[in-house]
Every structure is written in structure tokens, then in C-alpha cells.
Protein backbone atom coordinates (compact mmCIF):
# COMPACT_ATOMS: atom_id res chain seq x y z
CA MET A 1 -9.35 57.90 -23.13
CA ILE A 2 -5.52 59.18 -22.60
CA ASP A 3 -4.47 60.14 -19.01
CA ASP A 4 -1.85 59.61 -16.64
CA GLU A 5 -3.98 60.32 -13.50
CA PRO A 6 -5.18 56.98 -12.82
CA SER A 7 -7.96 58.68 -10.65
CA VAL A 8 -9.07 60.50 -13.61
CA VAL A 9 -9.11 57.48 -15.90
CA ARG A 10 -11.52 55.31 -13.56
CA ALA A 11 -13.74 58.11 -13.10
CA LEU A 12 -14.12 58.91 -16.84
CA THR A 13 -14.39 55.57 -17.95
CA GLY A 14 -16.79 54.61 -15.33
CA LEU A 15 -19.05 56.77 -16.58
CA LEU A 16 -18.67 56.57 -20.51
CA ARG A 17 -18.98 52.58 -19.62
CA ARG A 18 -21.96 53.10 -17.44
CA ASP A 19 -23.59 55.04 -20.51
CA GLY A 20 -22.80 52.24 -22.59
CA TYR A 21 -19.64 53.71 -24.46
CA ARG A 22 -16.62 51.06 -25.11
CA VAL A 23 -13.21 52.72 -23.68
CA ASP A 24 -9.91 52.13 -24.10
CA THR A 25 -7.23 53.61 -21.77
CA ALA A 26 -3.80 54.72 -22.55
CA GLY A 27 -1.13 56.57 -20.03
CA ASN A 28 0.00 59.27 -22.33
CA GLY A 29 0.25 59.84 -26.22
CA ARG A 30 2.59 57.49 -27.25
CA TYR A 31 0.89 54.29 -25.98
CA ALA A 32 -2.47 55.70 -27.44
CA LEU A 33 -0.67 56.05 -30.98
CA ILE A 34 -0.10 52.26 -30.69
CA GLN A 35 -3.45 51.60 -29.79
CA LEU A 36 -4.70 53.37 -32.67
CA GLN A 37 -2.62 51.41 -35.16
CA ALA A 38 -4.53 48.33 -33.48
CA ARG A 39 -7.78 49.75 -34.19
CA PRO A 40 -10.06 52.85 -35.28
CA TYR A 41 -11.62 55.01 -32.76
CA ASP A 42 -14.49 57.60 -32.90
CA VAL A 43 -13.33 59.83 -30.33
CA ILE A 44 -10.28 60.33 -28.25
CA VAL A 45 -10.61 62.15 -24.61
CA CYS A 46 -7.02 63.41 -23.84
CA ASP A 47 -5.10 65.04 -21.16
CA LEU A 48 -3.01 67.97 -22.11
CA HIS A 49 -0.20 67.46 -19.48
CA MET A 50 1.27 63.67 -19.20
CA PRO A 51 4.90 62.58 -19.86
CA ASP A 52 6.48 61.05 -22.79
CA LEU A 53 4.19 62.52 -25.10
CA ASP A 54 1.77 65.52 -23.76
CA GLY A 55 -1.34 66.26 -25.32
CA PRO A 56 -0.33 68.86 -27.88
CA ALA A 57 2.71 66.68 -29.20
CA PHE A 58 0.20 64.30 -29.37
CA TYR A 59 -2.35 66.40 -31.48
CA ALA A 60 0.38 67.56 -33.71
CA ILE A 61 1.17 63.64 -34.85
CA LEU A 62 -2.69 62.64 -34.55
CA THR A 63 -3.68 65.31 -37.01
CA ARG A 64 -0.92 64.55 -39.66
CA GLN A 65 -1.80 60.39 -39.32
CA TYR A 66 -5.58 60.80 -38.70
CA PRO A 67 -7.05 64.02 -39.51
CA ALA A 68 -10.69 63.22 -39.37
CA LEU A 69 -10.49 61.65 -35.78
CA TRP A 70 -12.52 63.78 -32.87
CA VAL A 71 -9.95 65.06 -29.64
CA VAL A 72 -11.62 66.64 -26.69
CA TYR A 73 -8.91 67.64 -24.63
CA LEU A 74 -9.21 67.79 -20.41
CA GLN A 75 -7.88 70.86 -18.62
CA PRO A 76 -7.25 70.81 -14.93
CA ALA A 77 -9.82 72.45 -12.95
CA GLY A 78 -9.44 76.13 -12.63
CA ASN A 79 -7.35 76.30 -15.68
CA PHE A 80 -9.97 77.70 -18.58
CA VAL A 81 -8.84 78.21 -22.21
CA ALA A 82 -10.69 80.44 -24.22
């Protein structure tokens, strides 16, 4: 879970852990890349808008280094992407 909003991180990690998933968190894409070097992940849930390394910049790096990794992006409520 990559997000700079603590309330979002708490809510989503709580739901995922309740359902039995192991969840690690990072406050932005740069911290997430460091964690990816330490261990493999099955799926990444990522915010689009974060300081330092946002979702699109993170994805550009991620697809070069970890092309098979699944990424789910979070969009703020009310802003729909088609």
C-alpha cells in the first residue's frame, strides 16, 4: 500500500489484513522502491498523487524493473478515469 494519507492507509490496510492479506506500507513511490528491493510483492495498491515520487512516476520505474507486478491505483473520490 503506497499512499501519503495516513487515514487512507489505516482504512485500506485494516480491510486487507482483516481478510488475511499481509500488507506493508510506504508513504510514497521512492520508499516503495526501497521495499521492493528487500522482498517480492504480489500486488501494489498505489495512490496517484503523492509527494516526492507520485503514482505515474513510480509506475514508469516499476514497469522497467518489475514488469510482471500488478498495480492498482487509487483515485480521489469524484475524479473518475475512463
